[in-house]
PDB file of N, CA and C in Angstrom:
ATOM      1  N   UNK A   1       0.818  -1.188   0.000  1.00  0.00           N
ATOM      2  CA  UNK A   1       0.000   0.000   0.000  1.00  0.00           C
ATOM      3  C   UNK A   1       0.868   1.261   0.000  1.00  0.00           C
ATOM      4  N   UNK A   2       1.949   1.262   0.822  1.00  0.00           N
ATOM      5  CA  UNK A   2       2.828   2.421   0.870  1.00  0.00           C
ATOM      6  C   UNK A   2       3.500   2.660  -0.474  1.00  0.00           C
ATOM      7  N   UNK A   3       3.857   1.592  -1.148  1.00  0.00           N
ATOM      8  CA  UNK A   3       4.504   1.725  -2.460  1.00  0.00           C
ATOM      9  C   UNK A   3       3.542   2.356  -3.447  1.00  0.00           C
ATOM     10  N   UNK A   4       2.279   1.941  -3.410  1.00  0.00           N
ATOM     11  CA  UNK A   4       1.275   2.505  -4.303  1.00  0.00           C
ATOM     12  C   UNK A   4       1.080   3.986  -4.024  1.00  0.00           C
ATOM     13  N   UNK A   5       0.995   4.374  -2.769  1.00  0.00           N
ATOM     14  CA  UNK A   5       0.830   5.783  -2.401  1.00  0.00           C
ATOM     15  C   UNK A   5       2.047   6.587  -2.866  1.00  0.00           C
ATOM     16  N   UNK A   6       3.240   6.052  -2.648  1.00  0.00           N
ATOM     17  CA  UNK A   6       4.458   6.739  -3.077  1.00  0.00           C
ATOM     18  C   UNK A   6       4.490   6.902  -4.590  1.00  0.00           C
ATOM     19  N   UNK A   7       4.083   5.877  -5.317  1.00  0.00           N
ATOM     20  CA  UNK A   7       4.068   5.951  -6.781  1.00  0.00           C
ATOM     21  C   UNK A   7       3.084   7.007  -7.266  1.00  0.00           C
ATOM     22  N   UNK A   8       1.922   7.069  -6.634  1.00  0.00           N
ATOM     23  CA  UNK A   8       0.920   8.071  -7.020  1.00  0.00           C
ATOM     24  C   UNK A   8       1.435   9.467  -6.735  1.00  0.00           C
ATOM     25  N   UNK A   9       2.056   9.672  -5.569  1.00  0.00           N
ATOM     26  CA  UNK A   9       2.601  10.986  -5.236  1.00  0.00           C
ATOM     27  C   UNK A   9       3.709  11.399  -6.200  1.00  0.00           C
ATOM     28  N   UNK A  10       4.565  10.475  -6.557  1.00  0.00           N
ATOM     29  CA  UNK A  10       5.632  10.774  -7.525  1.00  0.00           C
ATOM     30  C   UNK A  10       5.038  11.159  -8.874  1.00  0.00           C
ATOM     31  N   UNK A  11       4.045  10.445  -9.310  1.00  0.00           N
ATOM     32  CA  UNK A  11       3.418  10.743 -10.600  1.00  0.00           C
ATOM     33  C   UNK A  11       2.750  12.111 -10.570  1.00  0.00           C
ATOM     34  N   UNK A  12       2.108  12.444  -9.456  1.00  0.00           N
ATOM     35  CA  UNK A  12       1.444  13.743  -9.353  1.00  0.00           C
ATOM     36  C   UNK A  12       2.464  14.876  -9.367  1.00  0.00           C
ATOM     37  N   UNK A  13       3.610  14.674  -8.726  1.00  0.00           N
ATOM     38  CA  UNK A  13       4.651  15.692  -8.675  1.00  0.00           C
ATOM     39  C   UNK A  13       5.326  15.845 -10.028  1.00  0.00           C
ATOM     40  N   UNK A  14       5.557  14.748 -10.736  1.00  0.00           N
ATOM     41  CA  UNK A  14       6.283  14.792 -11.999  1.00  0.00           C
ATOM     42  C   UNK A  14       5.440  15.321 -13.145  1.00  0.00           C
ATOM     43  N   UNK A  15       4.146  15.175 -13.080  1.00  0.00           N
ATOM     44  CA  UNK A  15       3.278  15.555 -14.190  1.00  0.00           C
ATOM     45  C   UNK A  15       3.435  17.001 -14.633  1.00  0.00           C
ATOM     46  N   UNK A  16       3.464  17.996 -13.726  1.00  0.00           N
ATOM     47  CA  UNK A  16       3.616  19.367 -14.199  1.00  0.00           C
ATOM     48  C   UNK A  16       4.908  19.594 -14.968  1.00  0.00           C
ATOM     49  N   UNK A  17       6.004  18.941 -14.560  1.00  0.00           N
ATOM     50  CA  UNK A  17       7.259  19.142 -15.254  1.00  0.00           C
ATOM     51  C   UNK A  17       7.296  18.398 -16.579  1.00  0.00           C
ATOM     52  N   UNK A  18       6.678  17.230 -16.632  1.00  0.00           N
ATOM     53  CA  UNK A  18       6.591  16.532 -17.913  1.00  0.00           C
ATOM     54  C   UNK A  18       5.793  17.389 -18.881  1.00  0.00           C
ATOM     55  N   UNK A  19       4.726  17.981 -18.387  1.00  0.00           N
ATOM     56  CA  UNK A  19       3.916  18.858 -19.226  1.00  0.00           C
ATOM     57  C   UNK A  19       4.708  20.087 -19.621  1.00  0.00           C
ATOM     58  N   UNK A  20       5.497  20.623 -18.694  1.00  0.00           N
ATOM     59  CA  UNK A  20       6.321  21.788 -18.999  1.00  0.00           C
ATOM     60  C   UNK A  20       7.281  21.484 -20.136  1.00  0.00           C
ATOM     61  N   UNK A  21       7.944  20.360 -20.061  1.00  0.00           N
ATOM     62  CA  UNK A  21       8.941  20.017 -21.076  1.00  0.00           C
ATOM     63  C   UNK A  21       8.308  19.676 -22.414  1.00  0.00           C
ATOM     64  N   UNK A  22       7.136  19.023 -22.414  1.00  0.00           N
ATOM     65  CA  UNK A  22       6.546  18.574 -23.660  1.00  0.00           C
ATOM     66  C   UNK A  22       5.640  19.617 -24.296  1.00  0.00           C
ATOM     67  N   UNK A  23       4.740  20.180 -23.527  1.00  0.00           N
ATOM     68  CA  UNK A  23       3.734  21.074 -24.103  1.00  0.00           C
ATOM     69  C   UNK A  23       4.108  22.540 -23.973  1.00  0.00           C
ATOM     70  N   UNK A  24       5.096  22.854 -23.161  1.00  0.00           N
ATOM     71  CA  UNK A  24       5.472  24.238 -22.940  1.00  0.00           C
ATOM     72  C   UNK A  24       4.856  24.751 -21.657  1.00  0.00           C
ATOM     73  N   UNK A  25       5.478  25.746 -21.105  1.00  0.00           N
ATOM     74  CA  UNK A  25       5.026  26.341 -19.864  1.00  0.00           C
ATOM     75  C   UNK A  25       6.207  26.965 -19.157  1.00  0.00           C
ATOM     76  N   UNK A  26       6.009  27.356 -17.903  1.00  0.00           N
ATOM     77  CA  UNK A  26       7.106  27.975 -17.175  1.00  0.00           C
ATOM     78  C   UNK A  26       7.134  27.507 -15.735  1.00  0.00           C
ATOM     79  N   UNK A  27       8.295  27.638 -15.133  1.00  0.00           N
ATOM     80  CA  UNK A  27       8.497  27.303 -13.726  1.00  0.00           C
ATOM     81  C   UNK A  27       9.478  28.310 -13.146  1.00  0.00           C
ATOM     82  N   UNK A  28       9.265  28.662 -11.886  1.00  0.00           N
ATOM     83  CA  UNK A  28      10.147  29.594 -11.199  1.00  0.00           C
ATOM     84  C   UNK A  28      11.099  28.836 -10.289  1.00  0.00           C
ATOM     85  N   UNK A  29      12.346  29.278 -10.267  1.00  0.00           N
ATOM     86  CA  UNK A  29      13.375  28.730  -9.398  1.00  0.00           C
ATOM     87  C   UNK A  29      13.993  29.885  -8.624  1.00  0.00           C
ATOM     88  N   UNK A  30      14.263  29.689  -7.341  1.00  0.00           N
ATOM     89  CA  UNK A  30      14.956  30.672  -6.514  1.00  0.00           C
ATOM     90  C   UNK A  30      16.348  30.125  -6.238  1.00  0.00           C
ATOM     91  N   UNK A  31      17.353  30.698  -6.902  1.00  0.00           N
ATOM     92  CA  UNK A  31      18.723  30.226  -6.741  1.00  0.00           C
ATOM     93  C   UNK A  31      19.277  30.592  -5.362  1.00  0.00           C
ATOM     94  N   UNK A  32      20.130  29.709  -4.843  1.00  0.00           N
ATOM     95  CA  UNK A  32      20.860  29.954  -3.605  1.00  0.00           C
ATOM     96  C   UNK A  32      22.332  29.733  -3.894  1.00  0.00           C
ATOM     97  N   UNK A  33      23.177  30.500  -3.224  1.00  0.00           N
ATOM     98  CA  UNK A  33      24.615  30.344  -3.448  1.00  0.00           C
ATOM     99  C   UNK A  33      25.130  29.116  -2.715  1.00  0.00           C
ATOM    100  N   UNK A  34      26.147  28.522  -3.283  1.00  0.00           N
ATOM    101  CA  UNK A  34      26.816  27.386  -2.653  1.00  0.00           C
ATOM    102  C   UNK A  34      27.579  27.914  -1.443  1.00  0.00           C
ATOM    103  N   UNK A  35      27.455  27.261  -0.287  1.00  0.00           N
ATOM    104  CA  UNK A  35      28.173  27.740   0.896  1.00  0.00           C
ATOM    105  C   UNK A  35      29.693  27.733   0.729  1.00  0.00           C
ATOM    106  N   UNK A  36      30.204  27.010  -0.257  1.00  0.00           N
ATOM    107  CA  UNK A  36      31.647  26.953  -0.503  1.00  0.00           C
ATOM    108  C   UNK A  36      32.132  28.069  -1.427  1.00  0.00           C
ATOM    109  N   UNK A  37      31.222  28.924  -1.919  1.00  0.00           N
ATOM    110  CA  UNK A  37      31.627  29.993  -2.818  1.00  0.00           C
ATOM    111  C   UNK A  37      32.651  30.908  -2.155  1.00  0.00           C
ATOM    112  N   UNK A  38      33.636  31.338  -2.943  1.00  0.00           N
ATOM    113  CA  UNK A  38      34.654  32.258  -2.443  1.00  0.00           C
ATOM    114  C   UNK A  38      34.088  33.681  -2.417  1.00  0.00           C
ATOM    115  N   UNK A  39      34.823  34.610  -1.820  1.00  0.00           N
ATOM    116  CA  UNK A  39      34.363  35.988  -1.674  1.00  0.00           C
ATOM    117  C   UNK A  39      33.980  36.616  -3.015  1.00  0.00           C
ATOM    118  N   UNK A  40      34.723  36.350  -4.062  1.00  0.00           N
ATOM    119  CA  UNK A  40      34.406  36.904  -5.372  1.00  0.00           C
ATOM    120  C   UNK A  40      33.049  36.461  -5.888  1.00  0.00           C
ATOM    121  N   UNK A  41      32.608  35.318  -5.441  1.00  0.00           N
ATOM    122  CA  UNK A  41      31.290  34.806  -5.824  1.00  0.00           C
ATOM    123  C   UNK A  41      30.201  35.436  -4.969  1.00  0.00           C
ATOM    124  N   UNK A  42      30.478  35.547  -3.681  1.00  0.00           N
ATOM    125  CA  UNK A  42      29.491  36.071  -2.745  1.00  0.00           C
ATOM    126  C   UNK A  42      29.089  37.484  -3.121  1.00  0.00           C
ATOM    127  N   UNK A  43      29.997  38.243  -3.697  1.00  0.00           N
ATOM    128  CA  UNK A  43      29.695  39.599  -4.137  1.00  0.00           C
ATOM    129  C   UNK A  43      28.627  39.648  -5.224  1.00  0.00           C
ATOM    130  N   UNK A  44      28.415  38.552  -5.924  1.00  0.00           N
ATOM    131  CA  UNK A  44      27.419  38.507  -7.001  1.00  0.00           C
ATOM    132  C   UNK A  44      26.099  37.888  -6.551  1.00  0.00           C
ATOM    133  N   UNK A  45      26.007  37.510  -5.277  1.00  0.00           N
ATOM    134  CA  UNK A  45      24.796  36.851  -4.800  1.00  0.00           C
ATOM    135  C   UNK A  45      23.531  37.651  -5.080  1.00  0.00           C
ATOM    136  N   UNK A  46      23.582  38.962  -4.893  1.00  0.00           N
ATOM    137  CA  UNK A  46      22.369  39.759  -5.101  1.00  0.00           C
ATOM    138  C   UNK A  46      21.878  39.676  -6.543  1.00  0.00           C
ATOM    139  N   UNK A  47      22.788  39.424  -7.468  1.00  0.00           N
ATOM    140  CA  UNK A  47      22.413  39.292  -8.881  1.00  0.00           C
ATOM    141  C   UNK A  47      21.818  37.918  -9.174  1.00  0.00           C
ATOM    142  N   UNK A  48      22.281  36.895  -8.478  1.00  0.00           N
ATOM    143  CA  UNK A  48      21.873  35.531  -8.795  1.00  0.00           C
ATOM    144  C   UNK A  48      20.821  34.950  -7.854  1.00  0.00           C
ATOM    145  N   UNK A  49      20.755  35.404  -6.617  1.00  0.00           N
ATOM    146  CA  UNK A  49      19.815  34.807  -5.659  1.00  0.00           C
ATOM    147  C   UNK A  49      18.457  35.501  -5.747  1.00  0.00           C
ATOM    148  N   UNK A  50      17.894  35.447  -6.901  1.00  0.00           N
ATOM    149  CA  UNK A  50      16.580  36.004  -7.202  1.00  0.00           C
ATOM    150  C   UNK A  50      15.761  34.943  -7.926  1.00  0.00           C
ATOM    151  N   UNK A  51      14.523  35.290  -8.159  1.00  0.00           N
ATOM    152  CA  UNK A  51      13.662  34.376  -8.914  1.00  0.00           C
ATOM    153  C   UNK A  51      14.141  34.309 -10.360  1.00  0.00           C
ATOM    154  N   UNK A  52      14.285  33.109 -10.877  1.00  0.00           N
ATOM    155  CA  UNK A  52      14.619  32.858 -12.273  1.00  0.00           C
ATOM    156  C   UNK A  52      13.454  32.082 -12.876  1.00  0.00           C
ATOM    157  N   UNK A  53      12.988  32.534 -14.007  1.00  0.00           N
ATOM    158  CA  UNK A  53      11.858  31.887 -14.662  1.00  0.00           C
ATOM    159  C   UNK A  53      12.354  31.117 -15.877  1.00  0.00           C
ATOM    160  N   UNK A  54      12.063  29.821 -15.880  1.00  0.00           N
ATOM    161  CA  UNK A  54      12.413  28.952 -16.995  1.00  0.00           C
ATOM    162  C   UNK A  54      11.140  28.697 -17.787  1.00  0.00           C
ATOM    163  N   UNK A  55      11.176  29.048 -19.065  1.00  0.00           N
ATOM    164  CA  UNK A  55      10.035  28.834 -19.955  1.00  0.00           C
ATOM    165  C   UNK A  55      10.457  27.869 -21.049  1.00  0.00           C
ATOM    166  N   UNK A  56       9.694  26.808 -21.210  1.00  0.00           N
ATOM    167  CA  UNK A  56       9.986  25.807 -22.241  1.00  0.00           C
ATOM    168  C   UNK A  56       8.882  25.862 -23.277  1.00  0.00           C
ATOM    169  N   UNK A  57       9.305  25.965 -24.547  1.00  0.00           N
ATOM    170  CA  UNK A  57       8.345  26.023 -25.644  1.00  0.00           C
ATOM    171  C   UNK A  57       9.028  25.565 -26.926  1.00  0.00           C
ATOM    172  N   UNK A  58       8.369  24.702 -27.655  1.00  0.00           N
ATOM    173  CA  UNK A  58       8.875  24.213 -28.938  1.00  0.00           C
ATOM    174  C   UNK A  58      10.283  23.641 -28.844  1.00  0.00           C
ATOM    175  N   UNK A  59      10.571  22.893 -27.785  1.00  0.00           N
ATOM    176  CA  UNK A  59      11.868  22.235 -27.655  1.00  0.00           C
ATOM    177  C   UNK A  59      12.995  23.145 -27.222  1.00  0.00           C
ATOM    178  N   UNK A  60      12.714  24.391 -26.925  1.00  0.00           N
ATOM    179  CA  UNK A  60      13.726  25.349 -26.461  1.00  0.00           C
ATOM    180  C   UNK A  60      13.351  25.828 -25.070  1.00  0.00           C
ATOM    181  N   UNK A  61      14.337  26.185 -24.294  1.00  0.00           N
ATOM    182  CA  UNK A  61      14.100  26.723 -22.957  1.00  0.00           C
ATOM    183  C   UNK A  61      14.675  28.130 -22.903  1.00  0.00           C
ATOM    184  N   UNK A  62      13.965  29.025 -22.237  1.00  0.00           N
ATOM    185  CA  UNK A  62      14.420  30.394 -22.075  1.00  0.00           C
ATOM    186  C   UNK A  62      14.458  30.703 -20.590  1.00  0.00           C
ATOM    187  N   UNK A  63      15.569  31.266 -20.138  1.00  0.00           N
ATOM    188  CA  UNK A  63      15.741  31.609 -18.737  1.00  0.00           C
ATOM    189  C   UNK A  63      15.835  33.121 -18.608  1.00  0.00           C
ATOM    190  N   UNK A  64      15.021  33.684 -17.715  1.00  0.00           N
ATOM    191  CA  UNK A  64      15.054  35.125 -17.475  1.00  0.00           C
ATOM    192  C   UNK A  64      15.095  35.375 -15.972  1.00  0.00           C
ATOM    193  N   UNK A  65      15.705  36.509 -15.611  1.00  0.00           N
ATOM    194  CA  UNK A  65      15.746  36.912 -14.206  1.00  0.00           C
ATOM    195  C   UNK A  65      15.920  38.417 -14.130  1.00  0.00           C
ATOM    196  N   UNK A  66      15.498  39.005 -13.014  1.00  0.00           N
ATOM    197  CA  UNK A  66      15.712  40.432 -12.840  1.00  0.00           C
ATOM    198  C   UNK A  66      17.188  40.784 -12.671  1.00  0.00           C
ATOM    199  N   UNK A  67      18.047  39.786 -12.412  1.00  0.00           N
ATOM    200  CA  UNK A  67      19.475  40.027 -12.240  1.00  0.00           C
ATOM    201  C   UNK A  67      20.244  40.134 -13.541  1.00  0.00           C
ATOM    202  N   UNK A  68      19.573  40.014 -14.680  1.00  0.00           N
ATOM    203  CA  UNK A  68      20.240  40.214 -15.959  1.00  0.00           C
ATOM    204  C   UNK A  68      20.394  38.981 -16.821  1.00  0.00           C
ATOM    205  N   UNK A  69      19.995  37.823 -16.326  1.00  0.00           N
ATOM    206  CA  UNK A  69      20.065  36.630 -17.172  1.00  0.00           C
ATOM    207  C   UNK A  69      18.835  36.612 -18.067  1.00  0.00           C
ATOM    208  N   UNK A  70      19.077  36.549 -19.336  1.00  0.00           N
ATOM    209  CA  UNK A  70      18.013  36.502 -20.336  1.00  0.00           C
ATOM    210  C   UNK A  70      18.587  35.751 -21.535  1.00  0.00           C
ATOM    211  N   UNK A  71      18.474  34.437 -21.495  1.00  0.00           N
ATOM    212  CA  UNK A  71      19.150  33.625 -22.498  1.00  0.00           C
ATOM    213  C   UNK A  71      18.330  32.407 -22.884  1.00  0.00           C
ATOM    214  N   UNK A  72      18.591  31.909 -24.077  1.00  0.00           N
ATOM    215  CA  UNK A  72      17.964  30.688 -24.560  1.00  0.00           C
ATOM    216  C   UNK A  72      18.904  29.529 -24.295  1.00  0.00           C
ATOM    217  N   UNK A  73      18.366  28.476 -23.701  1.00  0.00           N
ATOM    218  CA  UNK A  73      19.136  27.270 -23.429  1.00  0.00           C
ATOM    219  C   UNK A  73      18.813  26.245 -24.504  1.00  0.00           C
ATOM    220  N   UNK A  74      19.816  25.520 -24.914  1.00  0.00           N
ATOM    221  CA  UNK A  74      19.638  24.517 -25.961  1.00  0.00           C
ATOM    222  C   UNK A  74      19.472  23.132 -25.343  1.00  0.00           C
ATOM    223  N   UNK A  75      18.667  22.282 -25.970  1.00  0.00           N
ATOM    224  CA  UNK A  75      18.524  20.919 -25.436  1.00  0.00           C
ATOM    225  C   UNK A  75      19.820  20.135 -25.640  1.00  0.00           C
ATOM    226  N   UNK A  76      20.234  19.403 -24.592  1.00  0.00           N
ATOM    227  CA  UNK A  76      21.420  18.557 -24.692  1.00  0.00           C
ATOM    228  C   UNK A  76      21.054  17.079 -24.616  1.00  0.00           C
ATOM    229  N   UNK A  77      19.908  16.787 -24.042  1.00  0.00           N
ATOM    230  CA  UNK A  77      19.296  15.463 -24.032  1.00  0.00           C
ATOM    231  C   UNK A  77      17.857  15.675 -23.581  1.00  0.00           C
ATOM    232  N   UNK A  78      17.024  14.678 -23.623  1.00  0.00           N
ATOM    233  CA  UNK A  78      15.615  14.900 -23.277  1.00  0.00           C
ATOM    234  C   UNK A  78      15.441  15.572 -21.907  1.00  0.00           C
ATOM    235  N   UNK A  79      14.745  16.679 -21.898  1.00  0.00           N
ATOM    236  CA  UNK A  79      14.400  17.440 -20.694  1.00  0.00           C
ATOM    237  C   UNK A  79      15.595  18.059 -19.970  1.00  0.00           C
ATOM    238  N   UNK A  80      16.724  18.203 -20.657  1.00  0.00           N
ATOM    239  CA  UNK A  80      17.897  18.870 -20.086  1.00  0.00           C
ATOM    240  C   UNK A  80      18.342  19.943 -21.072  1.00  0.00           C
ATOM    241  N   UNK A  81      18.514  21.166 -20.544  1.00  0.00           N
ATOM    242  CA  UNK A  81      18.853  22.324 -21.373  1.00  0.00           C
ATOM    243  C   UNK A  81      20.090  22.992 -20.804  1.00  0.00           C
ATOM    244  N   UNK A  82      20.939  23.549 -21.707  1.00  0.00           N
ATOM    245  CA  UNK A  82      22.223  24.111 -21.275  1.00  0.00           C
ATOM    246  C   UNK A  82      22.594  25.290 -22.153  1.00  0.00           C
ATOM    247  N   UNK A  83      23.309  26.234 -21.546  1.00  0.00           N
ATOM    248  CA  UNK A  83      23.858  27.357 -22.306  1.00  0.00           C
ATOM    249  C   UNK A  83      25.032  27.943 -21.535  1.00  0.00           C
ATOM    250  N   UNK A  84      26.030  28.405 -22.266  1.00  0.00           N
ATOM    251  CA  UNK A  84      27.171  29.112 -21.680  1.00  0.00           C
ATOM    252  C   UNK A  84      27.197  30.516 -22.259  1.00  0.00           C
ATOM    253  N   UNK A  85      27.510  31.493 -21.408  1.00  0.00           N
ATOM    254  CA  UNK A  85      27.581  32.883 -21.851  1.00  0.00           C
ATOM    255  C   UNK A  85      28.357  33.693 -20.828  1.00  0.00           C
ATOM    256  N   UNK A  86      28.712  34.919 -21.211  1.00  0.00           N
ATOM    257  CA  UNK A  86      29.440  35.822 -20.333  1.00  0.00           C
ATOM    258  C   UNK A  86      28.468  36.875 -19.817  1.00  0.00           C
ATOM    259  N   UNK A  87      28.517  37.102 -18.509  1.00  0.00           N
ATOM    260  CA  UNK A  87      27.706  38.131 -17.868  1.00  0.00           C
ATOM    261  C   UNK A  87      28.646  38.922 -16.965  1.00  0.00           C
ATOM    262  N   UNK A  88      29.022  40.115 -17.415  1.00  0.00           N
ATOM    263  CA  UNK A  88      30.004  40.908 -16.678  1.00  0.00           C
ATOM    264  C   UNK A  88      31.326  40.176 -16.630  1.00  0.00           C
ATOM    265  N   UNK A  89      31.850  39.947 -15.418  1.00  0.00           N
ATOM    266  CA  UNK A  89      33.130  39.250 -15.262  1.00  0.00           C
ATOM    267  C   UNK A  89      32.978  37.737 -15.172  1.00  0.00           C
ATOM    268  N   UNK A  90      31.754  37.258 -15.226  1.00  0.00           N
ATOM    269  CA  UNK A  90      31.497  35.828 -15.036  1.00  0.00           C
ATOM    270  C   UNK A  90      31.322  35.101 -16.370  1.00  0.00           C
ATOM    271  N   UNK A  91      31.961  33.949 -16.475  1.00  0.00           N
ATOM    272  CA  UNK A  91      31.841  33.062 -17.627  1.00  0.00           C
ATOM    273  C   UNK A  91      30.929  31.918 -17.172  1.00  0.00           C
ATOM    274  N   UNK A  92      29.645  32.040 -17.477  1.00  0.00           N
ATOM    275  CA  UNK A  92      28.625  31.199 -16.862  1.00  0.00           C
ATOM    276  C   UNK A  92      28.185  30.023 -17.723  1.00  0.00           C
ATOM    277  N   UNK A  93      27.823  28.943 -17.054  1.00  0.00           N
ATOM    278  CA  UNK A  93      27.132  27.823 -17.668  1.00  0.00           C
ATOM    279  C   UNK A  93      25.858  27.598 -16.871  1.00  0.00           C
ATOM    280  N   UNK A  94      24.740  27.570 -17.563  1.00  0.00           N
ATOM    281  CA  UNK A  94      23.437  27.349 -16.942  1.00  0.00           C
ATOM    282  C   UNK A  94      22.914  25.999 -17.413  1.00  0.00           C
ATOM    283  N   UNK A  95      22.450  25.181 -16.473  1.00  0.00           N
ATOM    284  CA  UNK A  95      21.869  23.884 -16.809  1.00  0.00           C
ATOM    285  C   UNK A  95      20.522  23.775 -16.108  1.00  0.00           C
ATOM    286  N   UNK A  96      19.490  23.534 -16.886  1.00  0.00           N
ATOM    287  CA  UNK A  96      18.152  23.258 -16.364  1.00  0.00           C
ATOM    288  C   UNK A  96      17.886  21.780 -16.618  1.00  0.00           C
ATOM    289  N   UNK A  97      17.743  21.030 -15.550  1.00  0.00           N
ATOM    290  CA  UNK A  97      17.540  19.584 -15.671  1.00  0.00           C
ATOM    291  C   UNK A  97      16.137  19.225 -15.204  1.00  0.00           C
ATOM    292  N   UNK A  98      15.226  19.122 -16.171  1.00  0.00           N
ATOM    293  CA  UNK A  98      13.845  18.751 -15.875  1.00  0.00           C
ATOM    294  C   UNK A  98      13.666  17.242 -15.813  1.00  0.00           C
ATOM    295  N   UNK A  99      14.724  16.494 -16.169  1.00  0.00           N
ATOM    296  CA  UNK A  99      14.677  15.033 -16.092  1.00  0.00           C
ATOM    297  C   UNK A  99      15.059  14.548 -14.692  1.00  0.00           C
ATOM    298  N   UNK A 100      15.707  15.400 -13.909  1.00  0.00           N
ATOM    299  CA  UNK A 100      16.144  15.015 -12.560  1.00  0.00           C
ATOM    300  C   UNK A 100      14.961  14.999 -11.600  1.00  0.00           C
ATOM    301  N   UNK A 101      15.154  14.334 -10.481  1.00  0.00           N
ATOM    302  CA  UNK A 101      14.136  14.324  -9.441  1.00  0.00           C
ATOM    303  C   UNK A 101      14.818  14.655  -8.124  1.00  0.00           C
ATOM    304  N   UNK A 102      14.701  15.862  -7.609  1.00  0.00           N
ATOM    305  CA  UNK A 102      13.828  16.942  -8.080  1.00  0.00           C
ATOM    306  C   UNK A 102      14.448  17.700  -9.253  1.00  0.00           C
ATOM    307  N   UNK A 103      13.621  18.426  -9.961  1.00  0.00           N
ATOM    308  CA  UNK A 103      14.057  19.225 -11.097  1.00  0.00           C
ATOM    309  C   UNK A 103      15.030  20.281 -10.591  1.00  0.00           C
ATOM    310  N   UNK A 104      16.039  20.620 -11.392  1.00  0.00           N
ATOM    311  CA  UNK A 104      17.055  21.539 -10.887  1.00  0.00           C
ATOM    312  C   UNK A 104      17.468  22.584 -11.912  1.00  0.00           C
ATOM    313  N   UNK A 105      17.995  23.658 -11.380  1.00  0.00           N
ATOM    314  CA  UNK A 105      18.589  24.730 -12.177  1.00  0.00           C
ATOM    315  C   UNK A 105      19.902  25.078 -11.509  1.00  0.00           C
ATOM    316  N   UNK A 106      21.002  25.056 -12.262  1.00  0.00           N
ATOM    317  CA  UNK A 106      22.299  25.427 -11.708  1.00  0.00           C
ATOM    318  C   UNK A 106      22.959  26.463 -12.597  1.00  0.00           C
ATOM    319  N   UNK A 107      23.649  27.379 -11.959  1.00  0.00           N
ATOM    320  CA  UNK A 107      24.451  28.389 -12.659  1.00  0.00           C
ATOM    321  C   UNK A 107      25.840  28.280 -12.062  1.00  0.00           C
ATOM    322  N   UNK A 108      26.835  28.051 -12.901  1.00  0.00           N
ATOM    323  CA  UNK A 108      28.214  27.958 -12.424  1.00  0.00           C
ATOM    324  C   UNK A 108      29.093  28.899 -13.220  1.00  0.00           C
ATOM    325  N   UNK A 109      30.093  29.436 -12.536  1.00  0.00           N
ATOM    326  CA  UNK A 109      31.095  30.259 -13.208  1.00  0.00           C
ATOM    327  C   UNK A 109      32.282  29.370 -13.518  1.00  0.00           C
ATOM    328  N   UNK A 110      32.714  29.387 -14.767  1.00  0.00           N
ATOM    329  CA  UNK A 110      33.763  28.481 -15.204  1.00  0.00           C
ATOM    330  C   UNK A 110      35.162  28.935 -14.806  1.00  0.00           C
ATOM    331  N   UNK A 111      35.320  30.191 -14.344  1.00  0.00           N
ATOM    332  CA  UNK A 111      36.638  30.689 -13.955  1.00  0.00           C
ATOM    333  C   UNK A 111      36.877  30.587 -12.454  1.00  0.00           C
ATOM    334  N   UNK A 112      35.966  31.082 -11.649  1.00  0.00           N
ATOM    335  CA  UNK A 112      36.143  31.116 -10.196  1.00  0.00           C
ATOM    336  C   UNK A 112      35.556  29.902  -9.490  1.00  0.00           C
ATOM    337  N   UNK A 113      34.708  29.151 -10.176  1.00  0.00           N
ATOM    338  CA  UNK A 113      34.056  28.009  -9.555  1.00  0.00           C
ATOM    339  C   UNK A 113      32.830  28.370  -8.749  1.00  0.00           C
ATOM    340  N   UNK A 114      32.312  29.574  -8.945  1.00  0.00           N
ATOM    341  CA  UNK A 114      31.102  29.992  -8.242  1.00  0.00           C
ATOM    342  C   UNK A 114      29.950  29.090  -8.671  1.00  0.00           C
ATOM    343  N   UNK A 115      29.001  28.896  -7.740  1.00  0.00           N
ATOM    344  CA  UNK A 115      27.853  28.036  -8.057  1.00  0.00           C
ATOM    345  C   UNK A 115      26.617  28.531  -7.316  1.00  0.00           C
ATOM    346  N   UNK A 116      25.533  28.598  -8.069  1.00  0.00           N
ATOM    347  CA  UNK A 116      24.222  28.900  -7.508  1.00  0.00           C
ATOM    348  C   UNK A 116      23.271  27.828  -8.036  1.00  0.00           C
ATOM    349  N   UNK A 117      22.376  27.363  -7.176  1.00  0.00           N
ATOM    350  CA  UNK A 117      21.501  26.283  -7.622  1.00  0.00           C
ATOM    351  C   UNK A 117      20.147  26.366  -6.940  1.00  0.00           C
ATOM    352  N   UNK A 118      19.196  25.678  -7.553  1.00  0.00           N
ATOM    353  CA  UNK A 118      17.837  25.583  -7.000  1.00  0.00           C
ATOM    354  C   UNK A 118      17.244  24.262  -7.446  1.00  0.00           C
ATOM    355  N   UNK A 119      16.371  23.740  -6.603  1.00  0.00           N
ATOM    356  CA  UNK A 119      15.584  22.562  -6.978  1.00  0.00           C
ATOM    357  C   UNK A 119      14.128  22.921  -6.837  1.00  0.00           C
ATOM    358  N   UNK A 120      13.330  22.288  -7.671  1.00  0.00           N
ATOM    359  CA  UNK A 120      11.885  22.498  -7.651  1.00  0.00           C
ATOM    360  C   UNK A 120      11.266  21.323  -6.939  1.00  0.00           C
ATOM    361  N   UNK A 121      10.619  21.567  -5.826  1.00  0.00           N
ATOM    362  CA  UNK A 121      10.018  20.495  -5.030  1.00  0.00           C
ATOM    363  C   UNK A 121       8.649  20.134  -5.537  1.00  0.00           C
TER     364      UNK A 121
END
């Protein structure tokens, strides 16, 4: 009985994201800085620790935030989207993984090793 309840709960939780990836839609993520970030990373927290909206439509994902991220992510495998770009002094890689459980969004700096991430519960 517990297995059946767990399976139903998992299916109910996964359905919105499956729909997001297939039919299009959006989800909000609130990024948090990695506690191991160095001082140079912590200075950018106000730019990254805000709401980020991921919109998926026609096989493409678009990420926007009030901190200046406004980019299209390309699919790298089913339900996983990625993009690298420069924002100020940061050389960023963004990965939205809608195939993971829980769904995740990570932003990493390729030079300093800064990392901000969020999961969707």
